[in-house]
Amino acid sequence: MLSISVFANNLDDLKALTTTPKKLSGTFSQSKYLAQLETSINSSGSFNYIRDKKIVWHTLTPINSTLELTPKTMLSYQDGVQVNKLDSDTNPVVAVFSDIFFGVMTAQWQILEAYFSVSAEVSDGQWKATLVPVDESIGGFINKVTLEGDKYLQQITLYEPEGNITHITFDKLQQK
C-alpha cells in the first residue's frame, strides 16, 4: 500500500481550480540542464491531447521528432518515420509512464496521487504543486516535480537524481 501525504485543503482547492478539457493544444519550450556537462539543451514544439486517449508531443527544434502516447502504447517518430514502439502488454514501464504523463498534462490529480506525495499552494487563481515520488522505482529517475499554472498547467520542472533539471513552459493553449 502506498503512503500518501497530501495537504488536503490546498489540494481540494487545486482540484477545483484546474480544468481538464476534452481536447487541448499549444506550444512548449523546454530547457534541459545537464549537470555533468554544465550546459543546457533547448527545444521547442507543439502538443495536443485528447483526454484519456492520446497525447502527441511534437518537437520541432533542434530535431524534428514526435512522441505519441496512449494509455497502452508509446510511439516515437523521427521526420515522420516510426522509429520505436513500446506497448504496456510487453513493457509495464509504458503503463506507469503513460499514467504519469497523462496525469501531469491533464491535471488528473487522482492518478498522480498513486505515484507521488502531492503538496499544493493556491493563491489568487494561481497554483503550484510539488510532487515527490512515493514509489522507489520512480524515485530512481525523478527526485521531485513542480507543476505551476492557473486554469491550465503552465510550467513543469523535473528534478532528476544526478542533478539534471528539465523546465517546460506552455504557451498558446487552446481548447478544441
C-alpha atoms as a PDB file:
ATOM      1  CA  MET A   1       0.000   0.000   0.000  1.00  0.00           C
ATOM      2  CA  LEU A   2       1.376   3.421  -0.910  1.00  0.00           C
ATOM      3  CA  SER A   3       1.633   6.074   1.760  1.00  0.00           C
ATOM      4  CA  ILE A   4       0.327   9.424   0.509  1.00  0.00           C
ATOM      5  CA  SER A   5       0.926  12.749   2.211  1.00  0.00           C
ATOM      6  CA  VAL A   6      -1.408  15.469   0.953  1.00  0.00           C
ATOM      7  CA  PHE A   7      -2.225  18.935   2.204  1.00  0.00           C
ATOM      8  CA  ALA A   8      -5.932  18.228   1.813  1.00  0.00           C
ATOM      9  CA  ASN A   9      -7.394  21.731   1.856  1.00  0.00           C
ATOM     10  CA  ASN A  10      -4.959  23.112  -0.717  1.00  0.00           C
ATOM     11  CA  LEU A  11      -5.217  20.006  -2.894  1.00  0.00           C
ATOM     12  CA  ASP A  12      -9.003  20.274  -2.850  1.00  0.00           C
ATOM     13  CA  ASP A  13      -8.652  23.940  -3.887  1.00  0.00           C
ATOM     14  CA  LEU A  14      -6.240  22.866  -6.631  1.00  0.00           C
ATOM     15  CA  LYS A  15      -8.649  20.229  -7.943  1.00  0.00           C
ATOM     16  CA  ALA A  16     -11.429  22.837  -8.021  1.00  0.00           C
ATOM     17  CA  LEU A  17      -9.259  25.397  -9.834  1.00  0.00           C
ATOM     18  CA  THR A  18      -7.696  23.254 -12.561  1.00  0.00           C
ATOM     19  CA  THR A  19      -9.531  22.243 -15.705  1.00  0.00           C
ATOM     20  CA  THR A  20      -9.095  19.212 -17.906  1.00  0.00           C
ATOM     21  CA  PRO A  21     -10.783  19.953 -21.225  1.00  0.00           C
ATOM     22  CA  LYS A  22     -11.585  17.109 -23.589  1.00  0.00           C
ATOM     23  CA  LYS A  23      -9.033  18.459 -26.082  1.00  0.00           C
ATOM     24  CA  LEU A  24      -6.181  20.924 -25.625  1.00  0.00           C
ATOM     25  CA  SER A  25      -3.318  22.069 -27.822  1.00  0.00           C
ATOM     26  CA  GLY A  26      -0.496  24.539 -27.538  1.00  0.00           C
ATOM     27  CA  THR A  27       3.211  25.123 -27.858  1.00  0.00           C
ATOM     28  CA  PHE A  28       6.054  24.386 -25.475  1.00  0.00           C
ATOM     29  CA  SER A  29       9.611  25.482 -24.883  1.00  0.00           C
ATOM     30  CA  GLN A  30      11.890  23.184 -22.946  1.00  0.00           C
ATOM     31  CA  SER A  31      15.305  23.628 -21.379  1.00  0.00           C
ATOM     32  CA  LYS A  32      17.202  20.629 -20.029  1.00  0.00           C
ATOM     33  CA  TYR A  33      20.173  21.390 -17.803  1.00  0.00           C
ATOM     34  CA  LEU A  34      22.756  18.599 -17.904  1.00  0.00           C
ATOM     35  CA  ALA A  35      24.668  18.778 -14.628  1.00  0.00           C
ATOM     36  CA  GLN A  36      27.720  16.730 -15.681  1.00  0.00           C
ATOM     37  CA  LEU A  37      28.242  18.878 -18.774  1.00  0.00           C
ATOM     38  CA  GLU A  38      27.190  22.111 -17.049  1.00  0.00           C
ATOM     39  CA  THR A  39      25.148  23.095 -20.088  1.00  0.00           C
ATOM     40  CA  SER A  40      21.542  23.325 -21.212  1.00  0.00           C
ATOM     41  CA  ILE A  41      19.834  21.973 -24.299  1.00  0.00           C
ATOM     42  CA  ASN A  42      16.806  23.894 -25.535  1.00  0.00           C
ATOM     43  CA  SER A  43      13.957  22.543 -27.604  1.00  0.00           C
ATOM     44  CA  SER A  44      10.507  23.672 -28.648  1.00  0.00           C
ATOM     45  CA  GLY A  45       7.459  22.387 -30.404  1.00  0.00           C
ATOM     46  CA  SER A  46       3.757  21.770 -30.106  1.00  0.00           C
ATOM     47  CA  PHE A  47       1.488  19.351 -28.327  1.00  0.00           C
ATOM     48  CA  ASN A  48      -2.112  18.272 -28.347  1.00  0.00           C
ATOM     49  CA  TYR A  49      -4.117  15.840 -26.352  1.00  0.00           C
ATOM     50  CA  ILE A  50      -7.451  14.163 -26.291  1.00  0.00           C
ATOM     51  CA  ARG A  51      -8.275  13.386 -22.662  1.00  0.00           C
ATOM     52  CA  ASP A  52      -7.835   9.700 -21.741  1.00  0.00           C
ATOM     53  CA  LYS A  53      -6.977   8.798 -25.362  1.00  0.00           C
ATOM     54  CA  LYS A  54      -3.805  10.328 -26.771  1.00  0.00           C
ATOM     55  CA  ILE A  55      -1.056  12.914 -26.257  1.00  0.00           C
ATOM     56  CA  VAL A  56       1.065  13.984 -29.215  1.00  0.00           C
ATOM     57  CA  TRP A  57       4.318  15.771 -28.296  1.00  0.00           C
ATOM     58  CA  HIS A  58       5.945  17.180 -31.456  1.00  0.00           C
ATOM     59  CA  THR A  59       9.444  18.595 -31.002  1.00  0.00           C
ATOM     60  CA  LEU A  60      10.301  20.917 -33.886  1.00  0.00           C
ATOM     61  CA  THR A  61      13.755  22.114 -32.802  1.00  0.00           C
ATOM     62  CA  PRO A  62      16.528  21.148 -32.552  1.00  0.00           C
ATOM     63  CA  ILE A  63      15.371  17.792 -34.019  1.00  0.00           C
ATOM     64  CA  ASN A  64      12.031  17.063 -35.654  1.00  0.00           C
ATOM     65  CA  SER A  65      10.609  14.228 -33.569  1.00  0.00           C
ATOM     66  CA  THR A  66       7.216  13.137 -32.288  1.00  0.00           C
ATOM     67  CA  LEU A  67       6.161  11.140 -29.269  1.00  0.00           C
ATOM     68  CA  GLU A  68       2.639   9.728 -29.444  1.00  0.00           C
ATOM     69  CA  LEU A  69       1.384   8.366 -26.164  1.00  0.00           C
ATOM     70  CA  THR A  70      -1.801   6.432 -25.476  1.00  0.00           C
ATOM     71  CA  PRO A  71      -2.703   4.663 -22.236  1.00  0.00           C
ATOM     72  CA  LYS A  72      -1.210   1.442 -23.691  1.00  0.00           C
ATOM     73  CA  THR A  73       1.429   2.460 -26.256  1.00  0.00           C
ATOM     74  CA  MET A  74       4.318   4.837 -26.790  1.00  0.00           C
ATOM     75  CA  LEU A  75       5.333   5.557 -30.390  1.00  0.00           C
ATOM     76  CA  SER A  76       8.388   7.579 -31.445  1.00  0.00           C
ATOM     77  CA  TYR A  77       8.835   9.192 -34.860  1.00  0.00           C
ATOM     78  CA  GLN A  78      11.798  10.966 -36.487  1.00  0.00           C
ATOM     79  CA  ASP A  79      10.946  13.103 -39.509  1.00  0.00           C
ATOM     80  CA  GLY A  80       7.590  11.318 -39.781  1.00  0.00           C
ATOM     81  CA  VAL A  81       9.040   7.775 -39.751  1.00  0.00           C
ATOM     82  CA  GLN A  82       8.208   5.490 -36.813  1.00  0.00           C
ATOM     83  CA  VAL A  83      11.442   4.502 -35.080  1.00  0.00           C
ATOM     84  CA  ASN A  84      10.140   2.874 -31.910  1.00  0.00           C
ATOM     85  CA  LYS A  85       7.001   1.323 -30.464  1.00  0.00           C
ATOM     86  CA  LEU A  86       6.595   0.236 -26.858  1.00  0.00           C
ATOM     87  CA  ASP A  87       3.480  -1.495 -25.575  1.00  0.00           C
ATOM     88  CA  SER A  88       2.307  -1.823 -21.972  1.00  0.00           C
ATOM     89  CA  ASP A  89       1.468  -5.510 -22.530  1.00  0.00           C
ATOM     90  CA  THR A  90       5.144  -6.311 -23.123  1.00  0.00           C
ATOM     91  CA  ASN A  91       6.726  -3.434 -21.175  1.00  0.00           C
ATOM     92  CA  PRO A  92       4.935  -2.487 -17.918  1.00  0.00           C
ATOM     93  CA  VAL A  93       7.012   0.707 -17.605  1.00  0.00           C
ATOM     94  CA  VAL A  94       4.970   2.123 -20.502  1.00  0.00           C
ATOM     95  CA  ALA A  95       1.782   1.964 -18.403  1.00  0.00           C
ATOM     96  CA  VAL A  96       3.425   3.815 -15.490  1.00  0.00           C
ATOM     97  CA  PHE A  97       5.000   6.450 -17.771  1.00  0.00           C
ATOM     98  CA  SER A  98       1.655   6.890 -19.538  1.00  0.00           C
ATOM     99  CA  ASP A  99      -0.225   7.272 -16.248  1.00  0.00           C
ATOM    100  CA  ILE A 100       2.201   9.919 -15.023  1.00  0.00           C
ATOM    101  CA  PHE A 101       2.408  11.835 -18.321  1.00  0.00           C
ATOM    102  CA  PHE A 102      -1.398  11.853 -18.760  1.00  0.00           C
ATOM    103  CA  GLY A 103      -1.818  12.793 -15.085  1.00  0.00           C
ATOM    104  CA  VAL A 104       0.564  15.742 -15.387  1.00  0.00           C
ATOM    105  CA  MET A 105      -0.675  17.012 -18.759  1.00  0.00           C
ATOM    106  CA  THR A 106      -4.372  16.728 -17.923  1.00  0.00           C
ATOM    107  CA  ALA A 107      -4.391  17.675 -14.213  1.00  0.00           C
ATOM    108  CA  GLN A 108      -5.651  14.277 -13.145  1.00  0.00           C
ATOM    109  CA  TRP A 109      -4.602  14.556  -9.525  1.00  0.00           C
ATOM    110  CA  GLN A 110      -6.129  11.213  -8.511  1.00  0.00           C
ATOM    111  CA  ILE A 111      -3.710   9.455 -10.909  1.00  0.00           C
ATOM    112  CA  LEU A 112      -0.711  11.444  -9.673  1.00  0.00           C
ATOM    113  CA  GLU A 113      -1.579  10.682  -6.040  1.00  0.00           C
ATOM    114  CA  ALA A 114      -0.971   6.990  -6.773  1.00  0.00           C
ATOM    115  CA  TYR A 115       2.701   7.709  -7.563  1.00  0.00           C
ATOM    116  CA  PHE A 116       3.542  10.894  -5.662  1.00  0.00           C
ATOM    117  CA  SER A 117       3.106  12.700  -2.396  1.00  0.00           C
ATOM    118  CA  VAL A 118       1.402  15.919  -3.530  1.00  0.00           C
ATOM    119  CA  SER A 119       1.558  19.268  -1.747  1.00  0.00           C
ATOM    120  CA  ALA A 120      -0.177  22.304  -3.200  1.00  0.00           C
ATOM    121  CA  GLU A 121      -0.269  26.064  -2.790  1.00  0.00           C
ATOM    122  CA  VAL A 122      -3.205  28.019  -4.225  1.00  0.00           C
ATOM    123  CA  SER A 123      -3.470  31.809  -4.271  1.00  0.00           C
ATOM    124  CA  ASP A 124      -5.409  34.286  -6.438  1.00  0.00           C
ATOM    125  CA  GLY A 125      -6.212  31.777  -9.180  1.00  0.00           C
ATOM    126  CA  GLN A 126      -2.597  30.599  -9.432  1.00  0.00           C
ATOM    127  CA  TRP A 127      -1.308  27.292  -8.104  1.00  0.00           C
ATOM    128  CA  LYS A 128       1.866  25.358  -7.553  1.00  0.00           C
ATOM    129  CA  ALA A 129       2.024  21.645  -6.825  1.00  0.00           C
ATOM    130  CA  THR A 130       5.101  19.762  -5.674  1.00  0.00           C
ATOM    131  CA  LEU A 131       5.194  16.032  -6.383  1.00  0.00           C
ATOM    132  CA  VAL A 132       7.650  13.773  -4.571  1.00  0.00           C
ATOM    133  CA  PRO A 133       7.748  10.094  -5.603  1.00  0.00           C
ATOM    134  CA  VAL A 134       6.389   7.566  -3.104  1.00  0.00           C
ATOM    135  CA  ASP A 135       7.388   4.679  -5.379  1.00  0.00           C
ATOM    136  CA  GLU A 136      11.118   3.803  -5.271  1.00  0.00           C
ATOM    137  CA  SER A 137      11.215   2.871  -8.957  1.00  0.00           C
ATOM    138  CA  ILE A 138      10.039   6.364  -9.912  1.00  0.00           C
ATOM    139  CA  GLY A 139      12.392   7.934  -7.372  1.00  0.00           C
ATOM    140  CA  GLY A 140      15.245   6.325  -9.288  1.00  0.00           C
ATOM    141  CA  PHE A 141      14.792   8.808 -12.129  1.00  0.00           C
ATOM    142  CA  ILE A 142      12.828  11.717 -10.589  1.00  0.00           C
ATOM    143  CA  ASN A 143      13.549  13.415  -7.256  1.00  0.00           C
ATOM    144  CA  LYS A 144      10.752  15.940  -7.484  1.00  0.00           C
ATOM    145  CA  VAL A 145       8.352  17.544  -9.953  1.00  0.00           C
ATOM    146  CA  THR A 146       6.878  21.025  -9.640  1.00  0.00           C
ATOM    147  CA  LEU A 147       3.808  21.990 -11.624  1.00  0.00           C
ATOM    148  CA  GLU A 148       2.517  25.556 -11.886  1.00  0.00           C
ATOM    149  CA  GLY A 149      -0.486  27.066 -13.563  1.00  0.00           C
ATOM    150  CA  ASP A 150      -3.814  28.763 -13.445  1.00  0.00           C
ATOM    151  CA  LYS A 151      -6.823  27.133 -15.069  1.00  0.00           C
ATOM    152  CA  TYR A 152      -4.333  25.100 -17.112  1.00  0.00           C
ATOM    153  CA  LEU A 153      -0.866  23.775 -16.469  1.00  0.00           C
ATOM    154  CA  GLN A 154       1.674  26.455 -17.474  1.00  0.00           C
ATOM    155  CA  GLN A 155       5.053  25.074 -16.297  1.00  0.00           C
ATOM    156  CA  ILE A 156       6.665  21.775 -15.357  1.00  0.00           C
ATOM    157  CA  THR A 157      10.060  21.376 -13.699  1.00  0.00           C
ATOM    158  CA  LEU A 158      11.569  17.892 -13.283  1.00  0.00           C
ATOM    159  CA  TYR A 159      14.453  17.383 -10.872  1.00  0.00           C
ATOM    160  CA  GLU A 160      16.495  14.243 -11.513  1.00  0.00           C
ATOM    161  CA  PRO A 161      18.768  12.444  -9.014  1.00  0.00           C
ATOM    162  CA  GLU A 162      22.014  13.200 -10.904  1.00  0.00           C
ATOM    163  CA  GLY A 163      21.315  16.954 -10.841  1.00  0.00           C
ATOM    164  CA  ASN A 164      19.714  17.326 -14.281  1.00  0.00           C
ATOM    165  CA  ILE A 165      16.741  19.699 -14.417  1.00  0.00           C
ATOM    166  CA  THR A 166      14.120  19.910 -17.160  1.00  0.00           C
ATOM    167  CA  HIS A 167      11.932  23.008 -17.333  1.00  0.00           C
ATOM    168  CA  ILE A 168       8.956  23.135 -19.709  1.00  0.00           C
ATOM    169  CA  THR A 169       6.782  26.208 -20.312  1.00  0.00           C
ATOM    170  CA  PHE A 170       3.491  26.030 -22.206  1.00  0.00           C
ATOM    171  CA  ASP A 171       2.027  28.792 -24.363  1.00  0.00           C
ATOM    172  CA  LYS A 172      -0.817  29.440 -26.812  1.00  0.00           C
ATOM    173  CA  LEU A 173      -3.107  26.977 -25.050  1.00  0.00           C
ATOM    174  CA  GLN A 174      -6.363  26.382 -26.894  1.00  0.00           C
ATOM    175  CA  GLN A 175      -9.328  24.207 -26.024  1.00  0.00           C
ATOM    176  CA  LYS A 176     -10.703  22.419 -29.017  1.00  0.00           C
END
